[in-house]
Amino acid sequence: MQASSQRTLVGFKNVGGTYFTPKYSYSGVSSGSLKAFAAGYTVWTQSLANYYSYSKSVSLNLFTPSPSITVWVGPVPVTVKGNVGFGGSLTISGRLLPGQATMNGNAACWANGWASAGIGVSGYSISIVLKLSFGRQDVLLKFDVKCFGEPTASMSYWLNAVALKIKLKLEAWPFEWTKTLASWSSSPYSKVLF
C-alpha cells in the first residue's frame, strides 16, 4: 500500500514545501521517500528506511602547509606557527513514522584561526595552542509532514561571534596528548525565523 502527500508551507507557498511518499507494511511504515524544496529549488531528496542521517563538514586553511618559523634560544628550538581559514557543516536527518515523516537540518559556517608556540623537535614537543572561531552561524530547520493534514515547519538562526580555546599539546611520536586549559565564548544571539 502506498500513499502520497504534496504540501507547501502554509503562507509560504514560494518559500518551501515537501513531497512525501511512504510505503507501508503490515507493521507500519517500512520505507519511503522525502523531498524538500525551498525557493523553487530542491534542497534535499532521499529514500528513507525508518531513519536516515547524513553529515558532512569541511575545514579549509588559507595556507598549505601552515606557515612556521623556528628560532633557537640557546640550545632549545622554539617553533611558532599558525593559520587562518574557514569551515562549514551540514547535517540532515529524517525519520518515518506511520503516516508521518520528520526532517531536521542544520547548516553552519565559520571563520577560524590558530597559533601555537612550542619547544622541541618534530615529533617530540610541548606547545601552547590558541584557537579562535569567528562568526559561527547556524540555521536550523525542522519539517513535520503528514499524509493527511497540513505540514508544520520551523526555522531558527544562531550566531556566536567569538569563541576562544587555549590548549596544552604534548607530542611524543607516535602519541599526542591535548588538554584544554581555558575556554571562552561570547554570548550567542538566536532568533526564531518561523
N, C-alpha and C. Protein backbone atom coordinates (compact mmCIF):
# COMPACT_ATOMS: atom_id res chain seq x y z
N MET A 1 0.84 -1.17 0.00
CA MET A 1 0.00 0.00 0.00
C MET A 1 0.89 1.24 0.00
N GLN A 2 0.54 2.23 -0.82
CA GLN A 2 1.30 3.46 -0.87
C GLN A 2 0.37 4.64 -0.76
N ALA A 3 0.86 5.70 -0.18
CA ALA A 3 0.11 6.96 -0.13
C ALA A 3 1.08 8.07 -0.47
N SER A 4 0.56 9.19 -0.93
CA SER A 4 1.44 10.28 -1.30
C SER A 4 0.90 11.59 -0.76
N SER A 5 1.78 12.47 -0.38
CA SER A 5 1.38 13.77 0.11
C SER A 5 2.28 14.83 -0.49
N GLN A 6 1.65 15.88 -1.05
CA GLN A 6 2.40 17.01 -1.57
C GLN A 6 1.89 18.24 -0.85
N ARG A 7 2.77 18.93 -0.15
CA ARG A 7 2.34 20.07 0.66
C ARG A 7 3.30 21.23 0.49
N THR A 8 2.75 22.43 0.61
CA THR A 8 3.59 23.62 0.73
C THR A 8 3.31 24.22 2.09
N LEU A 9 4.27 24.96 2.60
CA LEU A 9 4.10 25.55 3.92
C LEU A 9 2.99 26.58 3.89
N VAL A 10 2.14 26.55 4.89
CA VAL A 10 1.02 27.48 4.96
C VAL A 10 1.54 28.90 4.99
N GLY A 11 1.10 29.73 4.05
CA GLY A 11 1.53 31.11 3.99
C GLY A 11 2.92 31.29 3.39
N PHE A 12 3.57 30.20 2.99
CA PHE A 12 4.93 30.28 2.45
C PHE A 12 5.01 29.54 1.12
N LYS A 13 4.04 29.73 0.25
CA LYS A 13 3.95 28.95 -0.98
C LYS A 13 5.23 29.00 -1.81
N ASN A 14 5.84 30.19 -1.91
CA ASN A 14 7.06 30.31 -2.71
C ASN A 14 8.33 30.07 -1.92
N VAL A 15 8.21 29.82 -0.62
CA VAL A 15 9.40 29.62 0.22
C VAL A 15 9.81 28.16 0.26
N GLY A 16 8.86 27.26 0.54
CA GLY A 16 9.27 25.87 0.64
C GLY A 16 8.10 24.92 0.77
N GLY A 17 8.43 23.65 0.75
CA GLY A 17 7.42 22.61 0.89
C GLY A 17 8.06 21.25 0.79
N THR A 18 7.22 20.23 0.69
CA THR A 18 7.71 18.86 0.70
C THR A 18 6.86 17.95 -0.18
N TYR A 19 7.47 16.88 -0.63
CA TYR A 19 6.76 15.75 -1.23
C TYR A 19 7.10 14.55 -0.36
N PHE A 20 6.12 13.79 0.04
CA PHE A 20 6.35 12.64 0.91
C PHE A 20 5.58 11.45 0.36
N THR A 21 6.27 10.35 0.11
CA THR A 21 5.64 9.13 -0.38
C THR A 21 6.06 7.96 0.50
N PRO A 22 5.25 7.57 1.49
CA PRO A 22 5.61 6.42 2.33
C PRO A 22 5.12 5.12 1.71
N LYS A 23 5.80 4.03 2.04
CA LYS A 23 5.38 2.68 1.66
C LYS A 23 5.13 1.92 2.94
N TYR A 24 3.96 1.38 3.06
CA TYR A 24 3.56 0.72 4.30
C TYR A 24 3.71 -0.79 4.22
N SER A 25 3.99 -1.38 5.37
CA SER A 25 3.95 -2.83 5.51
C SER A 25 2.96 -3.12 6.62
N TYR A 26 2.74 -4.39 6.93
CA TYR A 26 1.78 -4.75 7.98
C TYR A 26 2.18 -4.20 9.34
N SER A 27 3.46 -3.97 9.55
CA SER A 27 3.93 -3.48 10.85
C SER A 27 4.05 -1.96 10.89
N GLY A 28 3.62 -1.26 9.86
CA GLY A 28 3.72 0.20 9.84
C GLY A 28 4.53 0.65 8.65
N VAL A 29 5.19 1.78 8.75
CA VAL A 29 6.00 2.31 7.66
C VAL A 29 7.30 1.53 7.59
N SER A 30 7.61 1.02 6.41
CA SER A 30 8.87 0.30 6.27
C SER A 30 9.89 1.10 5.48
N SER A 31 9.42 1.95 4.58
CA SER A 31 10.33 2.79 3.81
C SER A 31 9.53 3.91 3.16
N GLY A 32 10.21 4.77 2.47
CA GLY A 32 9.53 5.86 1.79
C GLY A 32 10.53 6.83 1.24
N SER A 33 10.04 7.91 0.66
CA SER A 33 10.94 8.93 0.15
C SER A 33 10.42 10.30 0.56
N LEU A 34 11.34 11.20 0.77
CA LEU A 34 11.02 12.54 1.21
C LEU A 34 11.84 13.53 0.40
N LYS A 35 11.17 14.57 -0.10
CA LYS A 35 11.84 15.60 -0.90
C LYS A 35 11.43 16.94 -0.33
N ALA A 36 12.39 17.80 -0.07
CA ALA A 36 12.11 19.14 0.44
C ALA A 36 12.60 20.16 -0.57
N PHE A 37 11.83 21.22 -0.73
CA PHE A 37 12.24 22.26 -1.65
C PHE A 37 12.06 23.63 -1.00
N ALA A 38 12.88 24.58 -1.45
CA ALA A 38 12.82 25.95 -0.93
C ALA A 38 13.11 26.89 -2.08
N ALA A 39 12.36 27.95 -2.16
CA ALA A 39 12.51 28.97 -3.20
C ALA A 39 12.53 28.36 -4.59
N GLY A 40 11.74 27.31 -4.79
CA GLY A 40 11.63 26.68 -6.10
C GLY A 40 12.73 25.69 -6.42
N TYR A 41 13.68 25.46 -5.50
CA TYR A 41 14.79 24.53 -5.73
C TYR A 41 14.70 23.35 -4.77
N THR A 42 15.06 22.17 -5.25
CA THR A 42 15.12 21.01 -4.39
C THR A 42 16.35 21.14 -3.51
N VAL A 43 16.15 21.09 -2.19
CA VAL A 43 17.28 21.21 -1.27
C VAL A 43 17.68 19.86 -0.69
N TRP A 44 16.78 18.89 -0.74
CA TRP A 44 17.11 17.56 -0.21
C TRP A 44 16.11 16.55 -0.74
N THR A 45 16.59 15.41 -1.17
CA THR A 45 15.73 14.31 -1.55
C THR A 45 16.41 13.02 -1.13
N GLN A 46 15.64 12.11 -0.56
CA GLN A 46 16.26 10.90 -0.05
C GLN A 46 15.24 9.80 0.14
N SER A 47 15.65 8.58 -0.18
CA SER A 47 14.85 7.42 0.18
C SER A 47 15.15 7.11 1.64
N LEU A 48 14.12 6.86 2.41
CA LEU A 48 14.30 6.64 3.84
C LEU A 48 13.86 5.23 4.20
N ALA A 49 14.56 4.64 5.12
CA ALA A 49 14.17 3.35 5.69
C ALA A 49 14.07 3.55 7.20
N ASN A 50 12.93 4.02 7.66
CA ASN A 50 12.64 4.33 9.06
C ASN A 50 13.46 5.50 9.60
N TYR A 51 14.77 5.48 9.41
CA TYR A 51 15.59 6.58 9.92
C TYR A 51 16.77 6.79 8.97
N TYR A 52 17.11 8.05 8.74
CA TYR A 52 18.24 8.36 7.88
C TYR A 52 18.99 9.56 8.46
N SER A 53 20.31 9.54 8.35
CA SER A 53 21.10 10.65 8.84
C SER A 53 22.28 10.87 7.89
N TYR A 54 22.57 12.13 7.61
CA TYR A 54 23.69 12.49 6.76
C TYR A 54 24.43 13.65 7.40
N SER A 55 25.74 13.61 7.39
CA SER A 55 26.53 14.68 7.98
C SER A 55 27.80 14.88 7.16
N LYS A 56 28.13 16.13 6.90
CA LYS A 56 29.35 16.44 6.16
C LYS A 56 29.92 17.74 6.70
N SER A 57 31.22 17.78 6.91
CA SER A 57 31.86 19.02 7.35
C SER A 57 33.16 19.22 6.59
N VAL A 58 33.52 20.47 6.39
CA VAL A 58 34.76 20.81 5.71
C VAL A 58 35.49 21.88 6.52
N SER A 59 36.79 21.84 6.44
CA SER A 59 37.61 22.85 7.10
C SER A 59 38.79 23.13 6.17
N LEU A 60 38.93 24.37 5.74
CA LEU A 60 39.98 24.73 4.80
C LEU A 60 40.89 25.79 5.41
N ASN A 61 42.19 25.60 5.25
CA ASN A 61 43.18 26.57 5.71
C ASN A 61 43.63 27.43 4.55
N LEU A 62 43.94 28.68 4.82
CA LEU A 62 44.39 29.60 3.78
C LEU A 62 45.77 29.19 3.25
N PHE A 63 46.64 28.72 4.14
CA PHE A 63 48.00 28.34 3.74
C PHE A 63 48.19 26.84 3.90
N THR A 64 48.82 26.22 2.90
CA THR A 64 49.15 24.80 2.98
C THR A 64 50.60 24.63 2.53
N PRO A 65 51.49 24.17 3.37
CA PRO A 65 51.32 23.86 4.78
C PRO A 65 51.25 25.15 5.61
N SER A 66 50.95 24.98 6.89
CA SER A 66 50.84 26.12 7.79
C SER A 66 52.20 26.81 7.93
N PRO A 67 52.23 28.15 7.83
CA PRO A 67 53.49 28.87 7.99
C PRO A 67 54.08 28.66 9.39
N SER A 68 55.39 28.49 9.46
CA SER A 68 56.05 28.31 10.76
C SER A 68 57.47 28.86 10.69
N ILE A 69 57.97 29.19 11.86
CA ILE A 69 59.35 29.65 11.98
C ILE A 69 59.93 29.05 13.26
N THR A 70 61.18 28.62 13.18
CA THR A 70 61.87 28.07 14.35
C THR A 70 63.04 28.97 14.70
N VAL A 71 63.07 29.35 15.96
CA VAL A 71 64.15 30.20 16.46
C VAL A 71 64.85 29.44 17.58
N TRP A 72 66.16 29.49 17.60
CA TRP A 72 66.92 28.82 18.65
C TRP A 72 67.17 29.80 19.79
N VAL A 73 66.73 29.41 20.99
CA VAL A 73 67.01 30.18 22.20
C VAL A 73 68.02 29.35 22.98
N GLY A 74 69.29 29.69 22.80
CA GLY A 74 70.34 28.84 23.34
C GLY A 74 70.27 27.49 22.63
N PRO A 75 70.25 26.38 23.41
CA PRO A 75 70.18 25.06 22.78
C PRO A 75 68.75 24.58 22.53
N VAL A 76 67.74 25.44 22.80
CA VAL A 76 66.34 25.00 22.71
C VAL A 76 65.66 25.61 21.48
N PRO A 77 65.10 24.75 20.58
CA PRO A 77 64.37 25.28 19.42
C PRO A 77 62.94 25.68 19.82
N VAL A 78 62.54 26.92 19.48
CA VAL A 78 61.18 27.40 19.74
C VAL A 78 60.51 27.59 18.37
N THR A 79 59.40 26.89 18.18
CA THR A 79 58.68 26.95 16.91
C THR A 79 57.36 27.69 17.08
N VAL A 80 57.13 28.67 16.22
CA VAL A 80 55.88 29.42 16.21
C VAL A 80 55.22 29.17 14.86
N LYS A 81 53.94 28.80 14.87
CA LYS A 81 53.23 28.58 13.61
C LYS A 81 51.76 28.93 13.77
N GLY A 82 51.07 29.03 12.65
CA GLY A 82 49.66 29.37 12.70
C GLY A 82 49.03 29.31 11.33
N ASN A 83 47.73 29.57 11.28
CA ASN A 83 47.00 29.56 10.03
C ASN A 83 45.63 30.19 10.25
N VAL A 84 44.98 30.56 9.17
CA VAL A 84 43.60 31.04 9.20
C VAL A 84 42.83 30.29 8.13
N GLY A 85 41.52 30.24 8.29
CA GLY A 85 40.71 29.54 7.31
C GLY A 85 39.24 29.67 7.61
N PHE A 86 38.48 28.75 7.09
CA PHE A 86 37.04 28.74 7.33
C PHE A 86 36.54 27.31 7.30
N GLY A 87 35.34 27.13 7.79
CA GLY A 87 34.75 25.79 7.81
C GLY A 87 33.26 25.86 7.65
N GLY A 88 32.67 24.71 7.42
CA GLY A 88 31.22 24.61 7.28
C GLY A 88 30.78 23.20 7.53
N SER A 89 29.52 23.04 7.87
CA SER A 89 28.98 21.70 8.10
C SER A 89 27.51 21.67 7.71
N LEU A 90 27.05 20.47 7.37
CA LEU A 90 25.66 20.24 7.03
C LEU A 90 25.25 18.91 7.64
N THR A 91 24.16 18.92 8.39
CA THR A 91 23.62 17.70 8.99
C THR A 91 22.14 17.63 8.66
N ILE A 92 21.71 16.48 8.14
CA ILE A 92 20.29 16.26 7.82
C ILE A 92 19.90 14.90 8.38
N SER A 93 18.75 14.84 9.02
CA SER A 93 18.25 13.55 9.48
C SER A 93 16.76 13.48 9.19
N GLY A 94 16.27 12.28 8.96
CA GLY A 94 14.85 12.07 8.68
C GLY A 94 14.37 10.82 9.38
N ARG A 95 13.08 10.78 9.67
CA ARG A 95 12.51 9.61 10.34
C ARG A 95 11.10 9.38 9.83
N LEU A 96 10.78 8.12 9.57
CA LEU A 96 9.45 7.75 9.12
C LEU A 96 8.67 7.11 10.27
N LEU A 97 7.48 7.60 10.49
CA LEU A 97 6.55 7.04 11.46
C LEU A 97 5.27 6.71 10.70
N PRO A 98 4.38 5.90 11.23
CA PRO A 98 3.14 5.61 10.49
C PRO A 98 2.39 6.89 10.12
N GLY A 99 2.29 7.15 8.81
CA GLY A 99 1.56 8.29 8.30
C GLY A 99 2.25 9.63 8.47
N GLN A 100 3.53 9.63 8.80
CA GLN A 100 4.20 10.89 9.13
C GLN A 100 5.69 10.77 8.85
N ALA A 101 6.29 11.88 8.45
CA ALA A 101 7.75 11.93 8.28
C ALA A 101 8.27 13.22 8.89
N THR A 102 9.43 13.14 9.52
CA THR A 102 10.05 14.33 10.08
C THR A 102 11.43 14.50 9.45
N MET A 103 11.85 15.73 9.30
CA MET A 103 13.17 16.01 8.76
C MET A 103 13.77 17.17 9.56
N ASN A 104 15.00 17.02 9.98
CA ASN A 104 15.72 18.07 10.70
C ASN A 104 16.99 18.38 9.93
N GLY A 105 17.33 19.65 9.86
CA GLY A 105 18.55 20.04 9.17
C GLY A 105 19.28 21.12 9.93
N ASN A 106 20.59 21.14 9.80
CA ASN A 106 21.42 22.17 10.42
C ASN A 106 22.56 22.49 9.47
N ALA A 107 22.67 23.75 9.07
CA ALA A 107 23.77 24.21 8.24
C ALA A 107 24.55 25.24 9.04
N ALA A 108 25.87 25.15 9.00
CA ALA A 108 26.71 26.07 9.78
C ALA A 108 27.92 26.50 8.97
N CYS A 109 28.42 27.69 9.28
CA CYS A 109 29.67 28.16 8.67
C CYS A 109 30.39 29.06 9.68
N TRP A 110 31.70 29.16 9.54
CA TRP A 110 32.50 29.95 10.47
C TRP A 110 33.87 30.26 9.87
N ALA A 111 34.53 31.25 10.44
CA ALA A 111 35.93 31.55 10.12
C ALA A 111 36.75 31.18 11.35
N ASN A 112 37.99 30.77 11.14
CA ASN A 112 38.80 30.39 12.29
C ASN A 112 40.27 30.75 12.08
N GLY A 113 40.97 30.72 13.17
CA GLY A 113 42.39 30.95 13.13
C GLY A 113 43.05 30.26 14.32
N TRP A 114 44.31 29.90 14.18
CA TRP A 114 45.02 29.28 15.29
C TRP A 114 46.49 29.67 15.24
N ALA A 115 47.10 29.63 16.40
CA ALA A 115 48.53 29.89 16.51
C ALA A 115 49.08 29.02 17.62
N SER A 116 50.32 28.62 17.49
CA SER A 116 50.94 27.82 18.55
C SER A 116 52.40 28.22 18.70
N ALA A 117 52.89 28.04 19.91
CA ALA A 117 54.30 28.27 20.21
C ALA A 117 54.75 27.11 21.08
N GLY A 118 55.85 26.49 20.70
CA GLY A 118 56.30 25.32 21.45
C GLY A 118 57.79 25.11 21.38
N ILE A 119 58.26 24.22 22.26
CA ILE A 119 59.68 23.87 22.25
C ILE A 119 59.80 22.39 21.93
N GLY A 120 60.91 22.03 21.31
CA GLY A 120 61.14 20.64 20.95
C GLY A 120 61.46 20.50 19.48
N VAL A 121 61.53 19.26 19.05
CA VAL A 121 61.79 18.95 17.64
C VAL A 121 60.59 18.19 17.10
N SER A 122 60.55 18.04 15.79
CA SER A 122 59.42 17.39 15.14
C SER A 122 59.15 16.00 15.75
N GLY A 123 57.91 15.81 16.20
CA GLY A 123 57.52 14.53 16.80
C GLY A 123 57.70 14.47 18.30
N TYR A 124 58.51 15.38 18.88
CA TYR A 124 58.75 15.41 20.32
C TYR A 124 58.75 16.87 20.78
N SER A 125 57.58 17.33 21.24
CA SER A 125 57.49 18.75 21.61
C SER A 125 56.39 18.99 22.63
N ILE A 126 56.43 20.18 23.21
CA ILE A 126 55.37 20.66 24.09
C ILE A 126 55.02 22.07 23.61
N SER A 127 53.73 22.35 23.47
CA SER A 127 53.34 23.65 22.94
C SER A 127 52.03 24.14 23.53
N ILE A 128 51.82 25.43 23.41
CA ILE A 128 50.56 26.08 23.78
C ILE A 128 49.87 26.46 22.47
N VAL A 129 48.60 26.07 22.35
CA VAL A 129 47.84 26.32 21.11
C VAL A 129 46.67 27.23 21.44
N LEU A 130 46.51 28.28 20.65
CA LEU A 130 45.39 29.22 20.77
C LEU A 130 44.49 29.03 19.55
N LYS A 131 43.20 28.73 19.78
CA LYS A 131 42.25 28.54 18.67
C LYS A 131 41.13 29.55 18.80
N LEU A 132 40.83 30.24 17.69
CA LEU A 132 39.76 31.23 17.64
C LEU A 132 38.75 30.84 16.57
N SER A 133 37.48 31.03 16.88
CA SER A 133 36.41 30.83 15.91
C SER A 133 35.63 32.14 15.84
N PHE A 134 35.42 32.64 14.62
CA PHE A 134 34.75 33.93 14.43
C PHE A 134 33.45 33.74 13.65
N GLY A 135 32.41 34.39 14.10
CA GLY A 135 31.17 34.47 13.34
C GLY A 135 30.55 33.14 12.98
N ARG A 136 30.52 32.19 13.93
CA ARG A 136 29.86 30.91 13.64
C ARG A 136 28.35 31.15 13.54
N GLN A 137 27.78 30.74 12.43
CA GLN A 137 26.35 30.90 12.19
C GLN A 137 25.72 29.55 11.91
N ASP A 138 24.59 29.30 12.53
CA ASP A 138 23.83 28.06 12.32
C ASP A 138 22.41 28.40 11.90
N VAL A 139 21.91 27.66 10.92
CA VAL A 139 20.49 27.73 10.55
C VAL A 139 19.92 26.35 10.80
N LEU A 140 18.89 26.28 11.65
CA LEU A 140 18.26 25.01 11.99
C LEU A 140 16.85 24.98 11.40
N LEU A 141 16.53 23.87 10.74
CA LEU A 141 15.25 23.74 10.05
C LEU A 141 14.59 22.43 10.44
N LYS A 142 13.30 22.47 10.67
CA LYS A 142 12.56 21.25 11.02
C LYS A 142 11.26 21.21 10.24
N PHE A 143 11.03 20.06 9.56
CA PHE A 143 9.78 19.80 8.84
C PHE A 143 9.08 18.61 9.49
N ASP A 144 7.77 18.69 9.58
CA ASP A 144 6.96 17.56 10.03
C ASP A 144 5.85 17.42 9.01
N VAL A 145 5.89 16.34 8.21
CA VAL A 145 4.94 16.15 7.11
C VAL A 145 4.05 14.95 7.42
N LYS A 146 2.75 15.13 7.23
CA LYS A 146 1.79 14.06 7.46
C LYS A 146 1.05 13.77 6.16
N CYS A 147 0.63 12.52 5.99
CA CYS A 147 -0.12 12.17 4.79
C CYS A 147 -1.43 12.95 4.73
N PHE A 148 -2.04 13.17 5.87
CA PHE A 148 -3.29 13.91 5.93
C PHE A 148 -3.10 15.07 6.89
N GLY A 149 -3.53 16.24 6.50
CA GLY A 149 -3.33 17.41 7.35
C GLY A 149 -2.17 18.26 6.85
N GLU A 150 -2.06 19.41 7.40
CA GLU A 150 -1.04 20.37 6.98
C GLU A 150 0.33 20.05 7.61
N PRO A 151 1.39 20.28 6.87
CA PRO A 151 2.72 20.11 7.45
C PRO A 151 3.06 21.27 8.38
N THR A 152 4.01 21.05 9.24
CA THR A 152 4.50 22.12 10.10
C THR A 152 5.99 22.27 9.85
N ALA A 153 6.47 23.47 10.05
CA ALA A 153 7.90 23.73 9.84
C ALA A 153 8.35 24.83 10.78
N SER A 154 9.61 24.77 11.13
CA SER A 154 10.19 25.84 11.93
C SER A 154 11.63 26.07 11.47
N MET A 155 12.08 27.31 11.60
CA MET A 155 13.45 27.65 11.23
C MET A 155 13.98 28.64 12.26
N SER A 156 15.21 28.43 12.70
CA SER A 156 15.82 29.35 13.64
C SER A 156 17.26 29.65 13.23
N TYR A 157 17.76 30.76 13.73
CA TYR A 157 19.10 31.23 13.39
C TYR A 157 19.88 31.42 14.69
N TRP A 158 21.16 31.06 14.67
CA TRP A 158 22.01 31.15 15.86
C TRP A 158 23.36 31.72 15.44
N LEU A 159 23.87 32.68 16.20
CA LEU A 159 25.16 33.30 15.89
C LEU A 159 26.01 33.36 17.14
N ASN A 160 27.25 32.90 17.03
CA ASN A 160 28.24 33.05 18.10
C ASN A 160 29.39 33.84 17.51
N ALA A 161 29.56 35.09 17.99
CA ALA A 161 30.54 36.00 17.39
C ALA A 161 31.98 35.52 17.55
N VAL A 162 32.37 35.12 18.77
CA VAL A 162 33.77 34.74 19.02
C VAL A 162 33.81 33.59 20.02
N ALA A 163 34.65 32.61 19.76
CA ALA A 163 34.92 31.53 20.71
C ALA A 163 36.43 31.33 20.76
N LEU A 164 36.97 31.11 21.95
CA LEU A 164 38.41 31.01 22.15
C LEU A 164 38.73 29.78 23.00
N LYS A 165 39.77 29.05 22.60
CA LYS A 165 40.27 27.92 23.40
C LYS A 165 41.78 28.00 23.48
N ILE A 166 42.31 27.72 24.67
CA ILE A 166 43.76 27.63 24.87
C ILE A 166 44.05 26.21 25.32
N LYS A 167 44.95 25.54 24.60
CA LYS A 167 45.25 24.13 24.87
C LYS A 167 46.74 23.91 25.08
N LEU A 168 47.04 22.90 25.86
CA LEU A 168 48.40 22.42 26.03
C LEU A 168 48.53 21.16 25.20
N LYS A 169 49.58 21.06 24.39
CA LYS A 169 49.74 19.92 23.50
C LYS A 169 51.12 19.29 23.72
N LEU A 170 51.12 17.98 23.93
CA LEU A 170 52.35 17.21 24.12
C LEU A 170 52.46 16.19 23.00
N GLU A 171 53.60 16.13 22.34
CA GLU A 171 53.83 15.14 21.29
C GLU A 171 55.04 14.30 21.64
N ALA A 172 54.87 12.99 21.60
CA ALA A 172 55.97 12.04 21.75
C ALA A 172 55.65 10.91 20.77
N TRP A 173 56.22 11.01 19.57
CA TRP A 173 55.85 10.11 18.49
C TRP A 173 55.80 8.67 18.96
N PRO A 174 54.74 7.91 18.67
CA PRO A 174 53.58 8.21 17.82
C PRO A 174 52.38 8.73 18.62
N PHE A 175 52.57 9.20 19.84
CA PHE A 175 51.46 9.62 20.68
C PHE A 175 51.34 11.14 20.71
N GLU A 176 50.10 11.58 20.97
CA GLU A 176 49.82 13.01 21.09
C GLU A 176 48.77 13.19 22.19
N TRP A 177 48.99 14.16 23.06
CA TRP A 177 48.07 14.41 24.18
C TRP A 177 47.72 15.89 24.18
N THR A 178 46.43 16.20 24.35
CA THR A 178 45.96 17.59 24.36
C THR A 178 45.07 17.81 25.56
N LYS A 179 45.26 18.94 26.23
CA LYS A 179 44.44 19.31 27.39
C LYS A 179 43.98 20.75 27.22
N THR A 180 42.67 20.99 27.35
CA THR A 180 42.13 22.36 27.27
C THR A 180 42.40 23.07 28.59
N LEU A 181 43.12 24.18 28.52
CA LEU A 181 43.45 24.95 29.71
C LEU A 181 42.40 26.02 30.00
N ALA A 182 41.86 26.62 28.95
CA ALA A 182 40.85 27.67 29.12
C ALA A 182 39.94 27.70 27.89
N SER A 183 38.70 28.10 28.13
CA SER A 183 37.73 28.17 27.05
C SER A 183 36.79 29.34 27.33
N TRP A 184 36.50 30.15 26.30
CA TRP A 184 35.60 31.27 26.47
C TRP A 184 34.80 31.47 25.19
N SER A 185 33.55 31.89 25.35
CA SER A 185 32.70 32.14 24.19
C SER A 185 31.83 33.36 24.46
N SER A 186 31.63 34.18 23.44
CA SER A 186 30.73 35.33 23.60
C SER A 186 29.29 34.84 23.73
N SER A 187 28.44 35.69 24.25
CA SER A 187 27.02 35.31 24.39
C SER A 187 26.41 35.12 23.02
N PRO A 188 25.74 33.99 22.80
CA PRO A 188 25.15 33.76 21.47
C PRO A 188 23.90 34.59 21.24
N TYR A 189 23.63 34.86 19.98
CA TYR A 189 22.40 35.52 19.56
C TYR A 189 21.57 34.49 18.85
N SER A 190 20.29 34.39 19.16
CA SER A 190 19.42 33.45 18.47
C SER A 190 18.09 34.11 18.16
N LYS A 191 17.49 33.65 17.06
CA LYS A 191 16.20 34.19 16.63
C LYS A 191 15.40 33.10 15.95
N VAL A 192 14.13 32.97 16.32
CA VAL A 192 13.23 32.05 15.63
C VAL A 192 12.69 32.78 14.41
N LEU A 193 12.97 32.24 13.22
CA LEU A 193 12.55 32.90 11.99
C LEU A 193 11.09 32.61 11.66
N PHE A 194 10.68 31.36 11.84
CA PHE A 194 9.26 30.98 11.74
C PHE A 194 9.05 29.63 12.38
